[in-house]
Amino acid sequence: MTHSFEKDYWERHWEQAHDPEAEVPDQSGPNSHLEREIAGLRPGTALDAGCGTGADAIWLADRGWRVTAADISGTALEAAAERAAQASVAARVTWLEADLTTWLPTSRFDLVATSYAHPAMPQLAFYERIADWVAPGGTLLIVGHLHEPTSAGPDVGQGRGHEHGHAHGGGHGHAAGAGQQPPVEATVSLADITGRLDPAIWCIESAEERARTVTGPEGRPLAMHDAIVRATRHA
């Protein structure tokens, strides 16, 4: 891999993100894909895999989920815990400093969600790994950078149903800085993701591509593309 997404990489990334002079995207709100895909689910236990500074975990906790928010970066988790305390949801989030390429949970989750997470292992193998942690009847939500997007416009895919410009996901998180495209090894396609979900185990509820615009160098708009897959594990 061109990028080595190890702990040192992510610590540097989040230290830079907290530099007041650094030009990094806003990280204040949750991933809009998460809001859209998860809003109708009954709250239960959730894993935010590569939680970064905690926007998604805090959003889930505020809606009644009991969240384990895992990240390899202690710098990101420190900021996340502060934000959770300010949002009065600290009691519903467990912050876990862990390398998700080796860590194993002691039980499965009703929801496993990951947004733009880039670990030190092949991207699709990472998705397969965390998918094993979804409980029967539970939900898997993957939001990734789209590789070679189609030209069909800002809202394309399989017709089933980001504006999210964050440097999101942290120690297994967003590899691109402000105004940068993600490295190719951190990108996927819908077919890549759905092809790894055995239909004997999973029901794919939604699979789509979406375009979003972030602020690039000198304030210029930059088009980014996402792949979003939500699947339910058969009970």
C-alpha atoms as a PDB file:
ATOM      1  CA  MET A   1       0.000   0.000   0.000  1.00  0.00           C
ATOM      2  CA  THR A   2       1.195   3.485  -0.797  1.00  0.00           C
ATOM      3  CA  HIS A   3      -0.150   4.798   2.496  1.00  0.00           C
ATOM      4  CA  SER A   4       0.819   3.082   5.727  1.00  0.00           C
ATOM      5  CA  PHE A   5      -2.263   3.577   7.869  1.00  0.00           C
ATOM      6  CA  GLU A   6      -0.551   2.678  11.132  1.00  0.00           C
ATOM      7  CA  LYS A   7      -1.031   4.303  14.528  1.00  0.00           C
ATOM      8  CA  ASP A   8       1.709   6.896  13.960  1.00  0.00           C
ATOM      9  CA  TYR A   9       0.048   8.013  10.731  1.00  0.00           C
ATOM     10  CA  TRP A  10      -3.276   8.640  12.484  1.00  0.00           C
ATOM     11  CA  GLU A  11      -1.749  10.349  15.488  1.00  0.00           C
ATOM     12  CA  ARG A  12      -0.043  12.801  13.126  1.00  0.00           C
ATOM     13  CA  HIS A  13      -3.276  13.211  11.190  1.00  0.00           C
ATOM     14  CA  TRP A  14      -5.318  14.151  14.258  1.00  0.00           C
ATOM     15  CA  GLU A  15      -2.607  16.330  15.742  1.00  0.00           C
ATOM     16  CA  GLN A  16      -2.646  18.288  12.495  1.00  0.00           C
ATOM     17  CA  ALA A  17      -6.439  18.399  12.542  1.00  0.00           C
ATOM     18  CA  HIS A  18      -6.314  20.058  15.956  1.00  0.00           C
ATOM     19  CA  ASP A  19      -3.765  22.632  14.837  1.00  0.00           C
ATOM     20  CA  PRO A  20      -5.708  25.930  14.733  1.00  0.00           C
ATOM     21  CA  GLU A  21      -3.657  27.015  11.696  1.00  0.00           C
ATOM     22  CA  ALA A  22      -4.313  23.813   9.732  1.00  0.00           C
ATOM     23  CA  GLU A  23      -6.801  23.956   6.879  1.00  0.00           C
ATOM     24  CA  VAL A  24      -8.941  20.880   7.564  1.00  0.00           C
ATOM     25  CA  PRO A  25     -12.643  20.256   6.910  1.00  0.00           C
ATOM     26  CA  ASP A  26     -15.239  20.839   9.599  1.00  0.00           C
ATOM     27  CA  GLN A  27     -15.809  17.832  11.879  1.00  0.00           C
ATOM     28  CA  SER A  28     -18.727  19.102  13.948  1.00  0.00           C
ATOM     29  CA  GLY A  29     -21.646  16.991  12.746  1.00  0.00           C
ATOM     30  CA  PRO A  30     -22.447  13.352  12.016  1.00  0.00           C
ATOM     31  CA  ASN A  31     -22.184  11.681   8.659  1.00  0.00           C
ATOM     32  CA  SER A  32     -25.392  12.454   6.756  1.00  0.00           C
ATOM     33  CA  HIS A  33     -25.404   8.912   5.332  1.00  0.00           C
ATOM     34  CA  LEU A  34     -25.575   7.574   8.885  1.00  0.00           C
ATOM     35  CA  GLU A  35     -28.468   9.896   9.702  1.00  0.00           C
ATOM     36  CA  ARG A  36     -30.422   8.782   6.647  1.00  0.00           C
ATOM     37  CA  GLU A  37     -29.729   5.043   6.877  1.00  0.00           C
ATOM     38  CA  ILE A  38     -29.982   4.491  10.625  1.00  0.00           C
ATOM     39  CA  ALA A  39     -32.700   6.922  11.714  1.00  0.00           C
ATOM     40  CA  GLY A  40     -35.472   4.307  11.468  1.00  0.00           C
ATOM     41  CA  LEU A  41     -33.739   1.560  13.468  1.00  0.00           C
ATOM     42  CA  ARG A  42     -34.577   0.654  17.050  1.00  0.00           C
ATOM     43  CA  PRO A  43     -31.610   1.661  19.254  1.00  0.00           C
ATOM     44  CA  GLY A  44     -29.487  -1.110  20.704  1.00  0.00           C
ATOM     45  CA  THR A  45     -25.761  -1.760  20.903  1.00  0.00           C
ATOM     46  CA  ALA A  46     -23.528  -0.165  18.284  1.00  0.00           C
ATOM     47  CA  LEU A  47     -19.900  -0.198  17.252  1.00  0.00           C
ATOM     48  CA  ASP A  48     -18.499   2.874  15.525  1.00  0.00           C
ATOM     49  CA  ALA A  49     -15.461   1.328  13.841  1.00  0.00           C
ATOM     50  CA  GLY A  50     -12.886   4.077  13.342  1.00  0.00           C
ATOM     51  CA  CYS A  51     -14.760   6.742  15.263  1.00  0.00           C
ATOM     52  CA  GLY A  52     -12.274   9.594  14.959  1.00  0.00           C
ATOM     53  CA  THR A  53     -13.401  12.561  17.035  1.00  0.00           C
ATOM     54  CA  GLY A  54     -16.749  10.965  17.697  1.00  0.00           C
ATOM     55  CA  ALA A  55     -19.384  12.811  15.669  1.00  0.00           C
ATOM     56  CA  ASP A  56     -21.223   9.652  14.619  1.00  0.00           C
ATOM     57  CA  ALA A  57     -20.891   7.965  18.012  1.00  0.00           C
ATOM     58  CA  ILE A  58     -22.295  11.028  19.751  1.00  0.00           C
ATOM     59  CA  TRP A  59     -25.214  11.202  17.308  1.00  0.00           C
ATOM     60  CA  LEU A  60     -26.027   7.540  17.951  1.00  0.00           C
ATOM     61  CA  ALA A  61     -25.761   7.916  21.724  1.00  0.00           C
ATOM     62  CA  ASP A  62     -28.025  10.948  21.654  1.00  0.00           C
ATOM     63  CA  ARG A  63     -30.662   8.738  20.016  1.00  0.00           C
ATOM     64  CA  GLY A  64     -30.471   6.017  22.617  1.00  0.00           C
ATOM     65  CA  TRP A  65     -27.805   3.684  21.261  1.00  0.00           C
ATOM     66  CA  ARG A  66     -25.218   2.170  23.635  1.00  0.00           C
ATOM     67  CA  VAL A  67     -22.071   2.831  21.653  1.00  0.00           C
ATOM     68  CA  THR A  68     -18.598   1.362  21.635  1.00  0.00           C
ATOM     69  CA  ALA A  69     -16.519   3.890  19.718  1.00  0.00           C
ATOM     70  CA  ALA A  70     -13.178   2.427  18.658  1.00  0.00           C
ATOM     71  CA  ASP A  71     -10.179   4.146  17.146  1.00  0.00           C
ATOM     72  CA  ILE A  72      -6.439   3.572  16.988  1.00  0.00           C
ATOM     73  CA  SER A  73      -5.669   7.234  17.738  1.00  0.00           C
ATOM     74  CA  GLY A  74      -5.577   8.337  21.348  1.00  0.00           C
ATOM     75  CA  THR A  75      -5.465  11.949  20.171  1.00  0.00           C
ATOM     76  CA  ALA A  76      -8.777  11.546  18.343  1.00  0.00           C
ATOM     77  CA  LEU A  77     -10.390   9.728  21.270  1.00  0.00           C
ATOM     78  CA  GLU A  78      -9.378  12.418  23.741  1.00  0.00           C
ATOM     79  CA  ALA A  79     -11.152  15.024  21.627  1.00  0.00           C
ATOM     80  CA  ALA A  80     -14.125  12.694  21.163  1.00  0.00           C
ATOM     81  CA  ALA A  81     -14.572  12.160  24.906  1.00  0.00           C
ATOM     82  CA  GLU A  82     -14.567  15.908  25.473  1.00  0.00           C
ATOM     83  CA  ARG A  83     -17.240  16.382  22.839  1.00  0.00           C
ATOM     84  CA  ALA A  84     -19.369  13.598  24.321  1.00  0.00           C
ATOM     85  CA  ALA A  85     -19.208  15.215  27.749  1.00  0.00           C
ATOM     86  CA  GLN A  86     -20.287  18.540  26.266  1.00  0.00           C
ATOM     87  CA  ALA A  87     -23.191  16.783  24.532  1.00  0.00           C
ATOM     88  CA  SER A  88     -24.223  15.057  27.796  1.00  0.00           C
ATOM     89  CA  VAL A  89     -24.004  11.565  26.295  1.00  0.00           C
ATOM     90  CA  ALA A  90     -20.760  10.377  27.908  1.00  0.00           C
ATOM     91  CA  ALA A  91     -22.579   7.683  29.918  1.00  0.00           C
ATOM     92  CA  ARG A  92     -23.780   5.974  26.722  1.00  0.00           C
ATOM     93  CA  VAL A  93     -20.410   5.828  24.923  1.00  0.00           C
ATOM     94  CA  THR A  94     -17.417   3.633  25.669  1.00  0.00           C
ATOM     95  CA  TRP A  95     -14.282   5.030  24.027  1.00  0.00           C
ATOM     96  CA  LEU A  96     -11.878   2.286  23.041  1.00  0.00           C
ATOM     97  CA  GLU A  97      -8.323   2.792  21.829  1.00  0.00           C
ATOM     98  CA  ALA A  98      -7.778  -0.269  19.672  1.00  0.00           C
ATOM     99  CA  ASP A  99      -6.256  -1.498  16.444  1.00  0.00           C
ATOM    100  CA  LEU A 100      -9.290  -2.930  14.659  1.00  0.00           C
ATOM    101  CA  THR A 101      -7.085  -5.153  12.515  1.00  0.00           C
ATOM    102  CA  THR A 102      -6.283  -7.249  15.609  1.00  0.00           C
ATOM    103  CA  TRP A 103      -8.908  -6.350  18.250  1.00  0.00           C
ATOM    104  CA  LEU A 104     -11.851  -8.695  18.784  1.00  0.00           C
ATOM    105  CA  PRO A 105     -15.112  -7.841  20.564  1.00  0.00           C
ATOM    106  CA  THR A 106     -16.457 -10.044  23.347  1.00  0.00           C
ATOM    107  CA  SER A 107     -19.979  -9.913  21.907  1.00  0.00           C
ATOM    108  CA  ARG A 108     -21.706  -8.901  18.692  1.00  0.00           C
ATOM    109  CA  PHE A 109     -23.493  -5.608  18.054  1.00  0.00           C
ATOM    110  CA  ASP A 110     -26.944  -4.650  16.794  1.00  0.00           C
ATOM    111  CA  LEU A 111     -25.214  -2.113  14.556  1.00  0.00           C
ATOM    112  CA  VAL A 112     -21.691  -1.972  13.168  1.00  0.00           C
ATOM    113  CA  ALA A 113     -21.022   1.258  11.300  1.00  0.00           C
ATOM    114  CA  THR A 114     -17.874   2.569   9.668  1.00  0.00           C
ATOM    115  CA  SER A 115     -17.386   5.789   7.739  1.00  0.00           C
ATOM    116  CA  TYR A 116     -14.300   6.386   5.582  1.00  0.00           C
ATOM    117  CA  ALA A 117     -12.258   4.050   7.786  1.00  0.00           C
ATOM    118  CA  HIS A 118      -8.794   3.142   6.493  1.00  0.00           C
ATOM    119  CA  PRO A 119      -6.892   0.554   8.550  1.00  0.00           C
ATOM    120  CA  ALA A 120      -3.470  -0.953   7.993  1.00  0.00           C
ATOM    121  CA  MET A 121      -4.959  -3.869   6.068  1.00  0.00           C
ATOM    122  CA  PRO A 122      -6.742  -4.200   2.690  1.00  0.00           C
ATOM    123  CA  GLN A 123      -9.928  -2.155   2.682  1.00  0.00           C
ATOM    124  CA  LEU A 124     -12.324  -4.954   1.711  1.00  0.00           C
ATOM    125  CA  ALA A 125     -10.763  -7.399   4.151  1.00  0.00           C
ATOM    126  CA  PHE A 126     -11.430  -4.828   6.871  1.00  0.00           C
ATOM    127  CA  TYR A 127     -15.096  -4.640   5.898  1.00  0.00           C
ATOM    128  CA  GLU A 128     -15.345  -8.440   6.006  1.00  0.00           C
ATOM    129  CA  ARG A 129     -13.709  -8.462   9.418  1.00  0.00           C
ATOM    130  CA  ILE A 130     -16.070  -5.982  11.057  1.00  0.00           C
ATOM    131  CA  ALA A 131     -19.106  -7.557   9.348  1.00  0.00           C
ATOM    132  CA  ASP A 132     -18.496 -10.656  11.476  1.00  0.00           C
ATOM    133  CA  TRP A 133     -19.225  -8.537  14.526  1.00  0.00           C
ATOM    134  CA  VAL A 134     -22.873  -7.870  13.595  1.00  0.00           C
ATOM    135  CA  ALA A 135     -25.416  -9.816  15.642  1.00  0.00           C
ATOM    136  CA  PRO A 136     -28.152 -11.875  13.938  1.00  0.00           C
ATOM    137  CA  GLY A 137     -30.846  -9.450  12.843  1.00  0.00           C
ATOM    138  CA  GLY A 138     -28.397  -6.575  13.159  1.00  0.00           C
ATOM    139  CA  THR A 139     -27.262  -3.941  10.688  1.00  0.00           C
ATOM    140  CA  LEU A 140     -23.986  -3.284   8.903  1.00  0.00           C
ATOM    141  CA  LEU A 141     -23.421   0.202   7.483  1.00  0.00           C
ATOM    142  CA  ILE A 142     -20.375   0.886   5.327  1.00  0.00           C
ATOM    143  CA  VAL A 143     -19.564   4.336   3.966  1.00  0.00           C
ATOM    144  CA  GLY A 144     -16.453   4.408   1.828  1.00  0.00           C
ATOM    145  CA  HIS A 145     -14.682   6.506  -0.766  1.00  0.00           C
ATOM    146  CA  LEU A 146     -15.887   5.461  -4.189  1.00  0.00           C
ATOM    147  CA  HIS A 147     -13.341   4.166  -6.694  1.00  0.00           C
ATOM    148  CA  GLU A 148     -13.869   5.308 -10.288  1.00  0.00           C
ATOM    149  CA  PRO A 149     -17.372   6.767  -9.811  1.00  0.00           C
ATOM    150  CA  THR A 150     -19.930   6.618 -12.576  1.00  0.00           C
ATOM    151  CA  SER A 151     -20.817   9.743 -14.526  1.00  0.00           C
ATOM    152  CA  ALA A 152     -24.542   9.384 -13.874  1.00  0.00           C
ATOM    153  CA  GLY A 153     -24.705  12.354 -11.547  1.00  0.00           C
ATOM    154  CA  PRO A 154     -24.738  13.106  -7.835  1.00  0.00           C
ATOM    155  CA  ASP A 155     -27.237  10.449  -6.771  1.00  0.00           C
ATOM    156  CA  VAL A 156     -26.681   7.180  -8.572  1.00  0.00           C
ATOM    157  CA  GLY A 157     -26.575   3.492  -7.718  1.00  0.00           C
ATOM    158  CA  GLN A 158     -29.092   0.699  -7.479  1.00  0.00           C
ATOM    159  CA  GLY A 159     -32.117   2.918  -7.053  1.00  0.00           C
ATOM    160  CA  ARG A 160     -32.664   1.855  -3.485  1.00  0.00           C
ATOM    161  CA  GLY A 161     -32.874   3.796  -0.863  1.00  0.00           C
ATOM    162  CA  HIS A 162     -22.391  13.224   1.319  1.00  0.00           C
ATOM    163  CA  GLU A 163     -22.589  16.081   1.913  1.00  0.00           C
ATOM    164  CA  HIS A 164     -20.226  15.018   4.698  1.00  0.00           C
ATOM    165  CA  GLY A 165     -16.981  16.926   4.248  1.00  0.00           C
ATOM    166  CA  HIS A 166     -15.337  15.738   7.432  1.00  0.00           C
ATOM    167  CA  ALA A 167     -11.876  14.416   7.996  1.00  0.00           C
ATOM    168  CA  HIS A 168     -13.808  11.621   9.586  1.00  0.00           C
ATOM    169  CA  GLY A 169     -13.074   8.233  11.003  1.00  0.00           C
ATOM    170  CA  GLY A 170      -9.786   8.816  12.685  1.00  0.00           C
ATOM    171  CA  GLY A 171      -7.273   6.140  13.540  1.00  0.00           C
ATOM    172  CA  HIS A 172      -8.931   4.107  10.918  1.00  0.00           C
ATOM    173  CA  GLY A 173     -10.213   7.214   9.283  1.00  0.00           C
ATOM    174  CA  HIS A 174     -10.139   9.697   6.471  1.00  0.00           C
ATOM    175  CA  ALA A 175      -6.855   9.556   4.591  1.00  0.00           C
ATOM    176  CA  ALA A 176      -7.383  12.689   2.559  1.00  0.00           C
ATOM    177  CA  GLY A 177      -6.786  16.153   3.910  1.00  0.00           C
ATOM    178  CA  ALA A 178      -8.676  19.267   2.944  1.00  0.00           C
ATOM    179  CA  GLY A 179      -9.069  19.462  -0.798  1.00  0.00           C
ATOM    180  CA  GLN A 180      -7.365  16.122  -1.484  1.00  0.00           C
ATOM    181  CA  GLN A 181      -8.695  13.010  -3.159  1.00  0.00           C
ATOM    182  CA  PRO A 182      -8.285   9.811  -1.111  1.00  0.00           C
ATOM    183  CA  PRO A 183      -5.484   7.441  -2.157  1.00  0.00           C
ATOM    184  CA  VAL A 184      -6.587   4.669  -4.476  1.00  0.00           C
ATOM    185  CA  GLU A 185      -5.961   1.918  -1.911  1.00  0.00           C
ATOM    186  CA  ALA A 186      -8.523   3.600   0.352  1.00  0.00           C
ATOM    187  CA  THR A 187     -11.268   3.491  -2.283  1.00  0.00           C
ATOM    188  CA  VAL A 188     -13.881   0.855  -3.132  1.00  0.00           C
ATOM    189  CA  SER A 189     -16.812   0.291  -5.465  1.00  0.00           C
ATOM    190  CA  LEU A 190     -20.338  -0.833  -4.691  1.00  0.00           C
ATOM    191  CA  ALA A 191     -19.617  -4.132  -6.408  1.00  0.00           C
ATOM    192  CA  ASP A 192     -16.493  -4.544  -4.260  1.00  0.00           C
ATOM    193  CA  ILE A 193     -18.523  -4.224  -1.065  1.00  0.00           C
ATOM    194  CA  THR A 194     -21.696  -6.066  -1.987  1.00  0.00           C
ATOM    195  CA  GLY A 195     -19.675  -8.872  -3.551  1.00  0.00           C
ATOM    196  CA  ARG A 196     -18.200  -9.620  -0.125  1.00  0.00           C
ATOM    197  CA  LEU A 197     -21.638  -9.969   1.518  1.00  0.00           C
ATOM    198  CA  ASP A 198     -22.816 -13.575   1.175  1.00  0.00           C
ATOM    199  CA  PRO A 199     -26.556 -13.547   0.325  1.00  0.00           C
ATOM    200  CA  ALA A 200     -26.978 -16.581   2.541  1.00  0.00           C
ATOM    201  CA  ILE A 201     -25.961 -14.373   5.466  1.00  0.00           C
ATOM    202  CA  TRP A 202     -26.910 -10.841   4.406  1.00  0.00           C
ATOM    203  CA  CYS A 203     -29.857  -8.958   2.949  1.00  0.00           C
ATOM    204  CA  ILE A 204     -28.643  -5.802   1.220  1.00  0.00           C
ATOM    205  CA  GLU A 205     -31.120  -3.054   2.112  1.00  0.00           C
ATOM    206  CA  SER A 206     -29.491  -0.219   0.184  1.00  0.00           C
ATOM    207  CA  ALA A 207     -26.450   0.225  -2.038  1.00  0.00           C
ATOM    208  CA  GLU A 208     -25.785   3.516  -3.731  1.00  0.00           C
ATOM    209  CA  GLU A 209     -23.239   6.035  -4.902  1.00  0.00           C
ATOM    210  CA  ARG A 210     -23.471   9.685  -3.896  1.00  0.00           C
ATOM    211  CA  ALA A 211     -21.472  12.746  -4.766  1.00  0.00           C
ATOM    212  CA  ARG A 212     -20.618  15.541  -2.362  1.00  0.00           C
ATOM    213  CA  THR A 213     -18.635  18.738  -2.611  1.00  0.00           C
ATOM    214  CA  VAL A 214     -15.857  19.758  -0.252  1.00  0.00           C
ATOM    215  CA  THR A 215     -13.810  22.926  -0.166  1.00  0.00           C
ATOM    216  CA  GLY A 216     -10.521  22.462  -1.974  1.00  0.00           C
ATOM    217  CA  PRO A 217      -7.383  24.590  -2.163  1.00  0.00           C
ATOM    218  CA  GLU A 218      -8.022  28.332  -2.281  1.00  0.00           C
ATOM    219  CA  GLY A 219     -11.687  27.758  -1.605  1.00  0.00           C
ATOM    220  CA  ARG A 220     -12.389  25.903  -4.843  1.00  0.00           C
ATOM    221  CA  PRO A 221     -15.121  23.227  -4.781  1.00  0.00           C
ATOM    222  CA  LEU A 222     -13.890  19.668  -5.126  1.00  0.00           C
ATOM    223  CA  ALA A 223     -16.152  16.746  -6.056  1.00  0.00           C
ATOM    224  CA  MET A 224     -15.891  13.627  -3.886  1.00  0.00           C
ATOM    225  CA  HIS A 225     -17.810  10.380  -4.319  1.00  0.00           C
ATOM    226  CA  ASP A 226     -19.019   7.885  -1.741  1.00  0.00           C
ATOM    227  CA  ALA A 227     -20.184   4.278  -1.760  1.00  0.00           C
ATOM    228  CA  ILE A 228     -22.845   3.484   0.848  1.00  0.00           C
ATOM    229  CA  VAL A 229     -24.050  -0.014   1.696  1.00  0.00           C
ATOM    230  CA  ARG A 230     -26.521  -1.003   4.414  1.00  0.00           C
ATOM    231  CA  ALA A 231     -27.188  -4.686   5.031  1.00  0.00           C
ATOM    232  CA  THR A 232     -29.106  -6.754   7.570  1.00  0.00           C
ATOM    233  CA  ARG A 233     -27.721 -10.004   8.895  1.00  0.00           C
ATOM    234  CA  HIS A 234     -30.240 -12.822   8.693  1.00  0.00           C
ATOM    235  CA  ALA A 235     -31.533 -13.865  12.098  1.00  0.00           C
END
